């Protein structure tokens, strides 16, 4: 799998990827997005060049690392109307292998506070990289650890964005059901092993998997799961 967003720079290549995805993705499998909308959004996503010696594995220190970073964020955002700071992504789910990059969502009740948070995050060593792959209403900010060490990504959003609840439901559902977690790992591994696959194609097929699990997670939450 080619994981570089830079390879998607040419319009012709994006068109080829779009054509292949139309053949593979059924209507509704990407949630509310069409294939065209997904491709347009993901082709805008920009991430830092990660020439880092980041191992892939499971680290029991991740929850503590999140808690420590959460306290830094809360102190820096004191006075803002913060709705929640949540650990999400693979490092938030036990027994899921991941690079040593912790994903964090910071949800704000006030739209203007999201803009102010960008300046606050810059003061903490984060660098803004525009729209987050989670959703068009999320922005992401990276703080890359020195010498290839632990890194953090903060995704900011409005508290009433439905995806804020959904990423928490997804996380808690996989925490609660080991068999769902194991199936997710196996399917992700199968997707990553597909030959001649671009980062965009992998992301689309992974999103189909995430959409399916999120639907079950939302139903579980609505029925009182995780209470």
Protein backbone atom coordinates (compact mmCIF):
# COMPACT_ATOMS: atom_id res chain seq x y z
CA UNK A 1 0.00 0.00 0.00
CA UNK A 2 1.31 3.40 -0.93
CA UNK A 3 0.69 5.54 2.15
CA UNK A 4 1.79 8.89 0.77
CA UNK A 5 -0.82 11.57 0.18
CA UNK A 6 1.66 13.32 -2.09
CA UNK A 7 1.18 10.59 -4.71
CA UNK A 8 -2.39 11.82 -5.12
CA UNK A 9 -1.35 15.22 -6.38
CA UNK A 10 -2.07 14.59 -10.05
CA UNK A 11 -5.62 14.97 -11.28
CA UNK A 12 -5.23 11.98 -13.58
CA UNK A 13 -4.23 9.68 -10.76
CA UNK A 14 -7.14 10.88 -8.61
CA UNK A 15 -9.45 10.17 -11.55
CA UNK A 16 -8.08 6.63 -11.86
CA UNK A 17 -8.55 6.00 -8.15
CA UNK A 18 -12.09 7.37 -8.33
CA UNK A 19 -12.92 5.03 -11.20
CA UNK A 20 -11.61 1.99 -9.29
CA UNK A 21 -13.50 2.95 -6.14
CA UNK A 22 -16.76 3.34 -8.05
CA UNK A 23 -16.36 -0.31 -9.05
CA UNK A 24 -15.71 -1.46 -5.47
CA UNK A 25 -17.94 0.71 -3.27
CA UNK A 26 -21.71 0.37 -3.11
CA UNK A 27 -24.03 3.35 -2.40
CA UNK A 28 -24.28 4.03 1.32
CA UNK A 29 -21.17 2.08 2.26
CA UNK A 30 -19.27 5.29 2.99
CA UNK A 31 -22.03 6.57 5.24
CA UNK A 32 -23.46 9.91 4.19
CA UNK A 33 -20.67 10.50 1.66
CA UNK A 34 -20.70 9.43 -1.95
CA UNK A 35 -17.52 8.03 -3.48
CA UNK A 36 -16.98 11.36 -5.22
CA UNK A 37 -17.39 13.35 -2.00
CA UNK A 38 -15.03 11.03 -0.15
CA UNK A 39 -12.35 11.30 -2.83
CA UNK A 40 -12.60 15.10 -2.95
CA UNK A 41 -12.36 15.36 0.83
CA UNK A 42 -9.52 12.88 1.31
CA UNK A 43 -7.49 14.29 -1.55
CA UNK A 44 -7.43 17.58 0.42
CA UNK A 45 -6.13 15.95 3.60
CA UNK A 46 -2.56 16.87 4.41
CA UNK A 47 -0.33 15.22 6.97
CA UNK A 48 3.28 15.85 7.96
CA UNK A 49 6.01 13.81 6.35
CA UNK A 50 6.65 11.14 8.95
CA UNK A 51 10.23 10.01 8.50
CA UNK A 52 10.12 8.61 12.01
CA UNK A 53 11.36 5.46 13.68
CA UNK A 54 7.93 4.65 15.07
CA UNK A 55 7.41 1.06 16.08
CA UNK A 56 4.11 -0.70 15.65
CA UNK A 57 2.83 -2.56 18.68
CA UNK A 58 0.82 -2.16 21.88
CA UNK A 59 2.08 0.02 24.70
CA UNK A 60 0.40 -0.16 28.14
CA UNK A 61 1.71 3.36 28.81
CA UNK A 62 -0.60 4.95 26.23
CA UNK A 63 -3.50 5.64 28.65
CA UNK A 64 -1.15 7.44 31.04
CA UNK A 65 0.42 9.38 28.16
CA UNK A 66 -3.05 10.49 27.12
CA UNK A 67 -3.95 11.54 30.67
CA UNK A 68 -0.80 13.63 30.94
CA UNK A 69 -1.42 15.32 27.60
CA UNK A 70 -5.07 15.89 28.51
CA UNK A 71 -3.97 17.79 31.62
CA UNK A 72 -1.64 19.95 29.51
CA UNK A 73 -4.50 20.70 27.14
CA UNK A 74 -6.97 21.48 29.92
CA UNK A 75 -4.52 23.86 31.56
CA UNK A 76 -3.80 25.64 28.28
CA UNK A 77 -7.51 25.85 27.38
CA UNK A 78 -8.60 27.06 30.81
CA UNK A 79 -11.38 29.59 30.37
CA UNK A 80 -12.65 28.02 27.15
CA UNK A 81 -15.90 26.09 27.01
CA UNK A 82 -14.42 22.64 26.45
CA UNK A 83 -17.09 19.94 26.07
CA UNK A 84 -14.68 17.05 26.20
CA UNK A 85 -11.17 15.78 25.56
CA UNK A 86 -11.16 12.15 24.43
CA UNK A 87 -8.53 9.57 23.56
CA UNK A 88 -9.53 7.92 20.27
CA UNK A 89 -7.96 5.75 17.59
CA UNK A 90 -6.02 2.53 17.91
CA UNK A 91 -3.92 3.65 20.88
CA UNK A 92 -7.14 4.13 22.89
CA UNK A 93 -8.24 0.51 22.43
CA UNK A 94 -6.51 -2.30 24.35
CA UNK A 95 -4.59 -4.88 22.32
CA UNK A 96 -4.73 -2.91 19.08
CA UNK A 97 -1.33 -2.49 17.51
CA UNK A 98 -0.45 1.03 16.43
CA UNK A 99 2.34 3.42 15.72
CA UNK A 100 3.28 5.49 18.76
CA UNK A 101 0.96 8.32 17.74
CA UNK A 102 -1.90 9.21 20.09
CA UNK A 103 -5.07 10.68 18.60
CA UNK A 104 -7.06 13.07 20.80
CA UNK A 105 -10.35 14.88 20.11
CA UNK A 106 -10.95 18.27 21.70
CA UNK A 107 -14.61 19.30 21.36
CA UNK A 108 -15.65 22.90 21.96
CA UNK A 109 -19.16 24.20 22.59
CA UNK A 110 -18.44 27.59 21.04
CA UNK A 111 -17.41 27.79 17.35
CA UNK A 112 -15.12 30.76 17.98
CA UNK A 113 -13.29 28.72 20.60
CA UNK A 114 -12.20 26.25 17.92
CA UNK A 115 -10.30 29.03 16.15
CA UNK A 116 -8.77 30.22 19.41
CA UNK A 117 -7.74 26.65 20.23
CA UNK A 118 -5.56 26.56 17.11
CA UNK A 119 -3.39 29.35 18.51
CA UNK A 120 -3.30 27.65 21.92
CA UNK A 121 -2.21 24.37 20.38
CA UNK A 122 0.53 26.15 18.45
CA UNK A 123 1.83 27.44 21.77
CA UNK A 124 2.02 23.82 22.99
CA UNK A 125 4.14 22.79 20.01
CA UNK A 126 1.39 21.57 17.70
CA UNK A 127 1.36 22.40 14.01
CA UNK A 128 -1.92 22.80 12.13
CA UNK A 129 -2.43 20.63 9.05
CA UNK A 130 -5.93 21.65 8.01
CA UNK A 131 -8.88 19.34 7.63
CA UNK A 132 -8.80 16.10 9.58
CA UNK A 133 -9.61 12.79 7.87
CA UNK A 134 -12.27 12.13 10.52
CA UNK A 135 -14.74 14.64 9.08
CA UNK A 136 -14.86 17.91 7.19
CA UNK A 137 -15.87 19.62 10.45
CA UNK A 138 -12.67 18.50 12.21
CA UNK A 139 -9.22 20.08 12.00
CA UNK A 140 -6.04 18.30 13.04
CA UNK A 141 -2.86 19.50 14.70
CA UNK A 142 0.32 17.42 15.01
CA UNK A 143 3.03 17.47 17.65
CA UNK A 144 5.78 15.13 16.52
CA UNK A 145 8.01 13.79 19.26
CA UNK A 146 11.75 14.46 19.17
CA UNK A 147 14.00 11.82 17.60
CA UNK A 148 11.11 9.72 16.40
CA UNK A 149 9.52 9.52 19.83
CA UNK A 150 5.89 9.56 20.88
CA UNK A 151 3.72 11.93 18.87
CA UNK A 152 0.27 13.41 19.40
CA UNK A 153 -2.50 14.47 17.03
CA UNK A 154 -5.26 16.73 18.33
CA UNK A 155 -8.46 16.87 16.29
CA UNK A 156 -10.66 19.86 17.12
CA UNK A 157 -14.39 19.99 16.46
CA UNK A 158 -17.70 21.42 17.60
CA UNK A 159 -19.32 19.49 20.44
CA UNK A 160 -22.55 19.05 18.46
CA UNK A 161 -20.81 17.43 15.50
CA UNK A 162 -22.33 13.91 15.33
CA UNK A 163 -18.93 12.41 14.58
CA UNK A 164 -17.71 13.42 18.04
CA UNK A 165 -20.19 11.00 19.61
CA UNK A 166 -19.58 8.35 16.96
CA UNK A 167 -15.81 8.13 17.43
CA UNK A 168 -16.39 7.61 21.16
CA UNK A 169 -19.04 4.97 20.48
CA UNK A 170 -16.68 3.17 18.11
CA UNK A 171 -13.88 3.20 20.69
CA UNK A 172 -16.05 2.04 23.58
CA UNK A 173 -17.70 -0.69 21.50
CA UNK A 174 -14.35 -2.21 20.54
CA UNK A 175 -13.18 -1.91 24.14
CA UNK A 176 -16.28 -3.78 25.32
CA UNK A 177 -16.30 -6.61 22.75
CA UNK A 178 -13.00 -8.44 22.19
CA UNK A 179 -14.39 -10.48 19.29
CA UNK A 180 -15.39 -7.30 17.45
CA UNK A 181 -11.94 -5.89 18.13
CA UNK A 182 -10.21 -8.99 16.79
CA UNK A 183 -12.36 -9.03 13.66
CA UNK A 184 -11.54 -5.37 13.06
CA UNK A 185 -7.81 -6.14 13.35
CA UNK A 186 -8.07 -9.04 10.91
CA UNK A 187 -10.03 -7.08 8.31
CA UNK A 188 -7.67 -4.10 8.55
CA UNK A 189 -4.74 -6.45 8.02
CA UNK A 190 -6.40 -7.91 4.93
CA UNK A 191 -7.01 -4.44 3.52
CA UNK A 192 -3.43 -3.33 4.13
CA UNK A 193 -2.08 -6.44 2.39
CA UNK A 194 -3.89 -5.76 -0.89
CA UNK A 195 -1.36 -5.23 -3.71
CA UNK A 196 -1.05 -2.06 -5.79
CA UNK A 197 -3.36 -0.11 -3.51
CA UNK A 198 -3.10 3.62 -2.96
CA UNK A 199 -3.52 5.29 0.42
CA UNK A 200 -6.84 6.74 -0.78
CA UNK A 201 -8.21 3.34 -1.79
CA UNK A 202 -7.15 1.82 1.52
CA UNK A 203 -8.77 4.72 3.39
CA UNK A 204 -12.05 4.28 1.51
CA UNK A 205 -12.23 0.54 2.13
CA UNK A 206 -11.25 1.03 5.76
CA UNK A 207 -14.00 3.61 6.12
CA UNK A 208 -16.55 1.05 4.92
CA UNK A 209 -15.41 -1.19 7.75
CA UNK A 210 -15.54 1.67 10.26
CA UNK A 211 -19.04 2.71 9.09
CA UNK A 212 -20.34 -0.82 9.64
CA UNK A 213 -18.84 -1.09 13.12
CA UNK A 214 -19.98 2.43 14.02
CA UNK A 215 -23.58 1.53 13.11
CA UNK A 216 -23.44 -1.39 15.54
CA UNK A 217 -21.70 0.79 18.13
CA UNK A 218 -24.37 3.50 17.84
CA UNK A 219 -27.14 0.93 18.27
CA UNK A 220 -25.34 -0.55 21.28
CA UNK A 221 -25.01 2.91 22.85
CA UNK A 222 -28.66 3.76 22.15
CA UNK A 223 -29.67 0.55 23.93
CA UNK A 224 -27.74 1.63 27.02
CA UNK A 225 -24.40 0.03 26.22
CA UNK A 226 -21.40 1.48 27.99
CA UNK A 227 -23.53 3.23 30.59
